[in-house]
Each structure stands twice: as structure tokens, then as C-alpha cells.
Amino acid sequence: MPFVSVKMLEGRTKEQKKNLIKSITKSVSESLSIDENNVWVVVEEFPCDEWGLGGELAEGKIKAKKEAGK
């Protein structure tokens, strides 16, 4: 049974996470020619102040990106 772990910053909706899990499950199932019921996916979310990006806390990068309209 494949086990896929996704680690990401918090803030996605339940629907987005549901779609992500569905897409990953389908891809792994097709790639390995196994039943989707044998694919495990776990999503771990972390606050922006617990991750770094480019030498800074991710929250600062995200805030700057939002302010820039990107």
C-alpha cells in the first residue's frame, strides 16, 4: 500500500484538500496499476510561522506576495 504524505502551509479549504487527495490517489493508482482503495494520503498543515522560505519565515513572504497582488 503506497502512503503519500503532503506537507503544506495552512489555509486551503476542505474542498481543495479533498480534490488534492482525490488527484493524488488517482495518479498513484494509475501509475502503479493498483486499486485506489490501496492508496493512503495524509495532508499535514503547518502555520506560516513554522516554515521558512528563502531564508525568511514563510508568513513574511506570503504577506509580501499578497500586498504585491500576486
PDB file of N, CA and C in Angstrom:
ATOM      1  N   MET A   1       0.827  -1.183   0.000  1.00  0.00           N
ATOM      2  CA  MET A   1       0.000   0.000   0.000  1.00  0.00           C
ATOM      3  C   MET A   1       0.871   1.245   0.000  1.00  0.00           C
ATOM      4  N   PRO A   2       0.806   2.053  -1.035  1.00  0.00           N
ATOM      5  CA  PRO A   2       1.550   3.310  -1.039  1.00  0.00           C
ATOM      6  C   PRO A   2       0.964   4.292  -0.021  1.00  0.00           C
ATOM      7  N   PHE A   3       1.843   5.025   0.618  1.00  0.00           N
ATOM      8  CA  PHE A   3       1.459   6.047   1.588  1.00  0.00           C
ATOM      9  C   PHE A   3       2.095   7.353   1.144  1.00  0.00           C
ATOM     10  N   VAL A   4       1.276   8.346   0.823  1.00  0.00           N
ATOM     11  CA  VAL A   4       1.764   9.635   0.334  1.00  0.00           C
ATOM     12  C   VAL A   4       1.529  10.677   1.418  1.00  0.00           C
ATOM     13  N   SER A   5       2.576  11.415   1.757  1.00  0.00           N
ATOM     14  CA  SER A   5       2.488  12.471   2.763  1.00  0.00           C
ATOM     15  C   SER A   5       2.670  13.829   2.088  1.00  0.00           C
ATOM     16  N   VAL A   6       1.689  14.707   2.299  1.00  0.00           N
ATOM     17  CA  VAL A   6       1.739  16.062   1.745  1.00  0.00           C
ATOM     18  C   VAL A   6       1.837  17.031   2.912  1.00  0.00           C
ATOM     19  N   LYS A   7       2.877  17.837   2.898  1.00  0.00           N
ATOM     20  CA  LYS A   7       3.060  18.851   3.935  1.00  0.00           C
ATOM     21  C   LYS A   7       2.922  20.215   3.267  1.00  0.00           C
ATOM     22  N   MET A   8       2.071  21.074   3.834  1.00  0.00           N
ATOM     23  CA  MET A   8       1.854  22.376   3.220  1.00  0.00           C
ATOM     24  C   MET A   8       1.432  23.392   4.274  1.00  0.00           C
ATOM     25  N   LEU A   9       1.509  24.634   3.869  1.00  0.00           N
ATOM     26  CA  LEU A   9       1.066  25.703   4.754  1.00  0.00           C
ATOM     27  C   LEU A   9      -0.444  25.655   4.877  1.00  0.00           C
ATOM     28  N   GLU A  10      -0.941  26.026   6.054  1.00  0.00           N
ATOM     29  CA  GLU A  10      -2.382  26.010   6.272  1.00  0.00           C
ATOM     30  C   GLU A  10      -3.066  27.095   5.444  1.00  0.00           C
ATOM     31  N   GLY A  11      -4.363  26.936   5.275  1.00  0.00           N
ATOM     32  CA  GLY A  11      -5.137  27.966   4.600  1.00  0.00           C
ATOM     33  C   GLY A  11      -5.972  27.460   3.432  1.00  0.00           C
ATOM     34  N   ARG A  12      -5.811  26.192   3.062  1.00  0.00           N
ATOM     35  CA  ARG A  12      -6.636  25.653   1.980  1.00  0.00           C
ATOM     36  C   ARG A  12      -7.987  25.239   2.535  1.00  0.00           C
ATOM     37  N   THR A  13      -8.991  25.247   1.676  1.00  0.00           N
ATOM     38  CA  THR A  13     -10.328  24.841   2.101  1.00  0.00           C
ATOM     39  C   THR A  13     -10.411  23.320   2.162  1.00  0.00           C
ATOM     40  N   LYS A  14     -11.433  22.844   2.818  1.00  0.00           N
ATOM     41  CA  LYS A  14     -11.674  21.409   2.897  1.00  0.00           C
ATOM     42  C   LYS A  14     -11.870  20.841   1.490  1.00  0.00           C
ATOM     43  N   GLU A  15     -12.556  21.583   0.637  1.00  0.00           N
ATOM     44  CA  GLU A  15     -12.798  21.153  -0.741  1.00  0.00           C
ATOM     45  C   GLU A  15     -11.486  21.037  -1.525  1.00  0.00           C
ATOM     46  N   GLN A  16     -10.577  21.993  -1.339  1.00  0.00           N
ATOM     47  CA  GLN A  16      -9.277  21.942  -2.014  1.00  0.00           C
ATOM     48  C   GLN A  16      -8.488  20.719  -1.576  1.00  0.00           C
ATOM     49  N   LYS A  17      -8.502  20.435  -0.290  1.00  0.00           N
ATOM     50  CA  LYS A  17      -7.782  19.266   0.221  1.00  0.00           C
ATOM     51  C   LYS A  17      -8.422  17.969  -0.285  1.00  0.00           C
ATOM     52  N   LYS A  18      -9.732  17.948  -0.339  1.00  0.00           N
ATOM     53  CA  LYS A  18     -10.444  16.783  -0.868  1.00  0.00           C
ATOM     54  C   LYS A  18     -10.040  16.544  -2.325  1.00  0.00           C
ATOM     55  N   ASN A  19      -9.990  17.593  -3.130  1.00  0.00           N
ATOM     56  CA  ASN A  19      -9.594  17.478  -4.535  1.00  0.00           C
ATOM     57  C   ASN A  19      -8.140  17.034  -4.676  1.00  0.00           C
ATOM     58  N   LEU A  20      -7.270  17.556  -3.821  1.00  0.00           N
ATOM     59  CA  LEU A  20      -5.865  17.169  -3.840  1.00  0.00           C
ATOM     60  C   LEU A  20      -5.716  15.675  -3.553  1.00  0.00           C
ATOM     61  N   ILE A  21      -6.391  15.207  -2.511  1.00  0.00           N
ATOM     62  CA  ILE A  21      -6.321  13.797  -2.142  1.00  0.00           C
ATOM     63  C   ILE A  21      -6.851  12.922  -3.270  1.00  0.00           C
ATOM     64  N   LYS A  22      -7.937  13.341  -3.878  1.00  0.00           N
ATOM     65  CA  LYS A  22      -8.515  12.576  -4.988  1.00  0.00           C
ATOM     66  C   LYS A  22      -7.541  12.499  -6.158  1.00  0.00           C
ATOM     67  N   SER A  23      -6.911  13.625  -6.502  1.00  0.00           N
ATOM     68  CA  SER A  23      -5.964  13.661  -7.627  1.00  0.00           C
ATOM     69  C   SER A  23      -4.733  12.808  -7.370  1.00  0.00           C
ATOM     70  N   ILE A  24      -4.191  12.916  -6.165  1.00  0.00           N
ATOM     71  CA  ILE A  24      -3.008  12.124  -5.813  1.00  0.00           C
ATOM     72  C   ILE A  24      -3.348  10.636  -5.845  1.00  0.00           C
ATOM     73  N   THR A  25      -4.487  10.278  -5.273  1.00  0.00           N
ATOM     74  CA  THR A  25      -4.903   8.883  -5.234  1.00  0.00           C
ATOM     75  C   THR A  25      -5.039   8.319  -6.642  1.00  0.00           C
ATOM     76  N   LYS A  26      -5.684   9.063  -7.512  1.00  0.00           N
ATOM     77  CA  LYS A  26      -5.868   8.608  -8.893  1.00  0.00           C
ATOM     78  C   LYS A  26      -4.526   8.441  -9.601  1.00  0.00           C
ATOM     79  N   SER A  27      -3.643   9.412  -9.441  1.00  0.00           N
ATOM     80  CA  SER A  27      -2.340   9.362 -10.099  1.00  0.00           C
ATOM     81  C   SER A  27      -1.507   8.178  -9.628  1.00  0.00           C
ATOM     82  N   VAL A  28      -1.453   7.961  -8.331  1.00  0.00           N
ATOM     83  CA  VAL A  28      -0.674   6.845  -7.786  1.00  0.00           C
ATOM     84  C   VAL A  28      -1.284   5.512  -8.233  1.00  0.00           C
ATOM     85  N   SER A  29      -2.596   5.434  -8.183  1.00  0.00           N
ATOM     86  CA  SER A  29      -3.286   4.215  -8.597  1.00  0.00           C
ATOM     87  C   SER A  29      -2.983   3.875 -10.050  1.00  0.00           C
ATOM     88  N   GLU A  30      -3.073   4.856 -10.925  1.00  0.00           N
ATOM     89  CA  GLU A  30      -2.798   4.632 -12.344  1.00  0.00           C
ATOM     90  C   GLU A  30      -1.318   4.321 -12.591  1.00  0.00           C
ATOM     91  N   SER A  31      -0.451   5.039 -11.938  1.00  0.00           N
ATOM     92  CA  SER A  31       0.990   4.846 -12.132  1.00  0.00           C
ATOM     93  C   SER A  31       1.463   3.460 -11.700  1.00  0.00           C
ATOM     94  N   LEU A  32       0.875   2.954 -10.635  1.00  0.00           N
ATOM     95  CA  LEU A  32       1.303   1.667 -10.087  1.00  0.00           C
ATOM     96  C   LEU A  32       0.370   0.513 -10.443  1.00  0.00           C
ATOM     97  N   SER A  33      -0.673   0.824 -11.196  1.00  0.00           N
ATOM     98  CA  SER A  33      -1.671  -0.193 -11.584  1.00  0.00           C
ATOM     99  C   SER A  33      -2.236  -0.930 -10.372  1.00  0.00           C
ATOM    100  N   ILE A  34      -2.674  -0.140  -9.398  1.00  0.00           N
ATOM    101  CA  ILE A  34      -3.280  -0.711  -8.195  1.00  0.00           C
ATOM    102  C   ILE A  34      -4.640  -0.065  -7.964  1.00  0.00           C
ATOM    103  N   ASP A  35      -5.425  -0.687  -7.132  1.00  0.00           N
ATOM    104  CA  ASP A  35      -6.737  -0.170  -6.786  1.00  0.00           C
ATOM    105  C   ASP A  35      -6.594   1.095  -5.934  1.00  0.00           C
ATOM    106  N   GLU A  36      -7.448   2.066  -6.190  1.00  0.00           N
ATOM    107  CA  GLU A  36      -7.400   3.329  -5.430  1.00  0.00           C
ATOM    108  C   GLU A  36      -7.593   3.105  -3.934  1.00  0.00           C
ATOM    109  N   ASN A  37      -8.305   2.048  -3.560  1.00  0.00           N
ATOM    110  CA  ASN A  37      -8.538   1.767  -2.145  1.00  0.00           C
ATOM    111  C   ASN A  37      -7.267   1.361  -1.404  1.00  0.00           C
ATOM    112  N   ASN A  38      -6.206   1.119  -2.144  1.00  0.00           N
ATOM    113  CA  ASN A  38      -4.935   0.751  -1.529  1.00  0.00           C
ATOM    114  C   ASN A  38      -3.968   1.926  -1.396  1.00  0.00           C
ATOM    115  N   VAL A  39      -4.409   3.122  -1.736  1.00  0.00           N
ATOM    116  CA  VAL A  39      -3.558   4.313  -1.676  1.00  0.00           C
ATOM    117  C   VAL A  39      -3.956   5.152  -0.461  1.00  0.00           C
ATOM    118  N   TRP A  40      -2.980   5.407   0.374  1.00  0.00           N
ATOM    119  CA  TRP A  40      -3.191   6.253   1.553  1.00  0.00           C
ATOM    120  C   TRP A  40      -2.575   7.624   1.284  1.00  0.00           C
ATOM    121  N   VAL A  41      -3.294   8.675   1.663  1.00  0.00           N
ATOM    122  CA  VAL A  41      -2.782  10.040   1.532  1.00  0.00           C
ATOM    123  C   VAL A  41      -3.042  10.766   2.849  1.00  0.00           C
ATOM    124  N   VAL A  42      -2.015  11.404   3.365  1.00  0.00           N
ATOM    125  CA  VAL A  42      -2.180  12.216   4.564  1.00  0.00           C
ATOM    126  C   VAL A  42      -1.748  13.644   4.231  1.00  0.00           C
ATOM    127  N   VAL A  43      -2.527  14.608   4.706  1.00  0.00           N
ATOM    128  CA  VAL A  43      -2.217  16.020   4.500  1.00  0.00           C
ATOM    129  C   VAL A  43      -1.911  16.626   5.866  1.00  0.00           C
ATOM    130  N   GLU A  44      -0.721  17.181   5.973  1.00  0.00           N
ATOM    131  CA  GLU A  44      -0.318  17.859   7.212  1.00  0.00           C
ATOM    132  C   GLU A  44      -0.199  19.342   6.911  1.00  0.00           C
ATOM    133  N   GLU A  45      -0.875  20.150   7.710  1.00  0.00           N
ATOM    134  CA  GLU A  45      -0.816  21.601   7.526  1.00  0.00           C
ATOM    135  C   GLU A  45      -0.038  22.244   8.673  1.00  0.00           C
ATOM    136  N   PHE A  46       0.690  23.283   8.315  1.00  0.00           N
ATOM    137  CA  PHE A  46       1.503  23.984   9.299  1.00  0.00           C
ATOM    138  C   PHE A  46       1.239  25.484   9.220  1.00  0.00           C
ATOM    139  N   PRO A  47       1.295  26.169  10.356  1.00  0.00           N
ATOM    140  CA  PRO A  47       1.168  27.626  10.340  1.00  0.00           C
ATOM    141  C   PRO A  47       2.351  28.259   9.606  1.00  0.00           C
ATOM    142  N   CYS A  48       2.111  29.392   9.005  1.00  0.00           N
ATOM    143  CA  CYS A  48       3.141  30.094   8.221  1.00  0.00           C
ATOM    144  C   CYS A  48       4.355  30.484   9.053  1.00  0.00           C
ATOM    145  N   ASP A  49       4.176  30.600  10.366  1.00  0.00           N
ATOM    146  CA  ASP A  49       5.310  30.998  11.201  1.00  0.00           C
ATOM    147  C   ASP A  49       6.173  29.811  11.627  1.00  0.00           C
ATOM    148  N   GLU A  50       5.855  28.622  11.122  1.00  0.00           N
ATOM    149  CA  GLU A  50       6.659  27.447  11.425  1.00  0.00           C
ATOM    150  C   GLU A  50       7.486  26.976  10.234  1.00  0.00           C
ATOM    151  N   TRP A  51       7.382  27.660   9.108  1.00  0.00           N
ATOM    152  CA  TRP A  51       8.133  27.286   7.906  1.00  0.00           C
ATOM    153  C   TRP A  51       8.932  28.466   7.402  1.00  0.00           C
ATOM    154  N   GLY A  52      10.064  28.166   6.816  1.00  0.00           N
ATOM    155  CA  GLY A  52      10.882  29.201   6.208  1.00  0.00           C
ATOM    156  C   GLY A  52      10.882  29.052   4.701  1.00  0.00           C
ATOM    157  N   LEU A  53      11.072  30.170   4.029  1.00  0.00           N
ATOM    158  CA  LEU A  53      11.127  30.191   2.579  1.00  0.00           C
ATOM    159  C   LEU A  53      12.102  31.279   2.171  1.00  0.00           C
ATOM    160  N   GLY A  54      13.150  30.903   1.483  1.00  0.00           N
ATOM    161  CA  GLY A  54      14.139  31.885   1.042  1.00  0.00           C
ATOM    162  C   GLY A  54      14.841  32.600   2.189  1.00  0.00           C
ATOM    163  N   GLY A  55      15.046  31.891   3.291  1.00  0.00           N
ATOM    164  CA  GLY A  55      15.765  32.473   4.424  1.00  0.00           C
ATOM    165  C   GLY A  55      14.906  33.317   5.349  1.00  0.00           C
ATOM    166  N   GLU A  56      13.590  33.336   5.116  1.00  0.00           N
ATOM    167  CA  GLU A  56      12.671  34.109   5.959  1.00  0.00           C
ATOM    168  C   GLU A  56      11.503  33.229   6.372  1.00  0.00           C
ATOM    169  N   LEU A  57      10.766  33.675   7.391  1.00  0.00           N
ATOM    170  CA  LEU A  57       9.542  32.972   7.728  1.00  0.00           C
ATOM    171  C   LEU A  57       8.596  33.057   6.544  1.00  0.00           C
ATOM    172  N   ALA A  58       7.925  31.984   6.257  1.00  0.00           N
ATOM    173  CA  ALA A  58       7.013  31.942   5.110  1.00  0.00           C
ATOM    174  C   ALA A  58       5.918  32.995   5.222  1.00  0.00           C
ATOM    175  N   GLU A  59       5.496  33.325   6.445  1.00  0.00           N
ATOM    176  CA  GLU A  59       4.421  34.304   6.603  1.00  0.00           C
ATOM    177  C   GLU A  59       4.814  35.662   6.035  1.00  0.00           C
ATOM    178  N   GLY A  60       6.078  36.051   6.149  1.00  0.00           N
ATOM    179  CA  GLY A  60       6.533  37.320   5.585  1.00  0.00           C
ATOM    180  C   GLY A  60       6.505  37.297   4.068  1.00  0.00           C
ATOM    181  N   LYS A  61       6.908  36.179   3.481  1.00  0.00           N
ATOM    182  CA  LYS A  61       6.894  36.033   2.025  1.00  0.00           C
ATOM    183  C   LYS A  61       5.465  36.064   1.494  1.00  0.00           C
ATOM    184  N   ILE A  62       4.568  35.380   2.184  1.00  0.00           N
ATOM    185  CA  ILE A  62       3.171  35.317   1.750  1.00  0.00           C
ATOM    186  C   ILE A  62       2.524  36.700   1.866  1.00  0.00           C
ATOM    187  N   LYS A  63       2.797  37.379   2.949  1.00  0.00           N
ATOM    188  CA  LYS A  63       2.239  38.721   3.149  1.00  0.00           C
ATOM    189  C   LYS A  63       2.731  39.660   2.050  1.00  0.00           C
ATOM    190  N   ALA A  64       4.011  39.612   1.736  1.00  0.00           N
ATOM    191  CA  ALA A  64       4.574  40.478   0.690  1.00  0.00           C
ATOM    192  C   ALA A  64       3.955  40.155  -0.667  1.00  0.00           C
ATOM    193  N   LYS A  65       3.734  38.885  -0.928  1.00  0.00           N
ATOM    194  CA  LYS A  65       3.146  38.458  -2.199  1.00  0.00           C
ATOM    195  C   LYS A  65       1.720  38.987  -2.326  1.00  0.00           C
ATOM    196  N   LYS A  66       0.955  38.897  -1.220  1.00  0.00           N
ATOM    197  CA  LYS A  66      -0.421  39.395  -1.231  1.00  0.00           C
ATOM    198  C   LYS A  66      -0.457  40.902  -1.446  1.00  0.00           C
ATOM    199  N   GLU A  67       0.450  41.608  -0.802  1.00  0.00           N
ATOM    200  CA  GLU A  67       0.498  43.068  -0.940  1.00  0.00           C
ATOM    201  C   GLU A  67       0.871  43.482  -2.354  1.00  0.00           C
ATOM    202  N   ALA A  68       1.652  42.643  -3.020  1.00  0.00           N
ATOM    203  CA  ALA A  68       2.065  42.927  -4.394  1.00  0.00           C
ATOM    204  C   ALA A  68       0.981  42.533  -5.400  1.00  0.00           C
ATOM    205  N   GLY A  69      -0.078  41.889  -4.894  1.00  0.00           N
ATOM    206  CA  GLY A  69      -1.182  41.493  -5.752  1.00  0.00           C
ATOM    207  C   GLY A  69      -0.940  40.267  -6.575  1.00  0.00           C
ATOM    208  N   LYS A  70      -0.068  39.403  -6.121  1.00  0.00           N
ATOM    209  CA  LYS A  70       0.255  38.169  -6.857  1.00  0.00           C
ATOM    210  C   LYS A  70      -0.408  36.984  -6.246  1.00  0.00           C
TER     211      LYS A  70
END
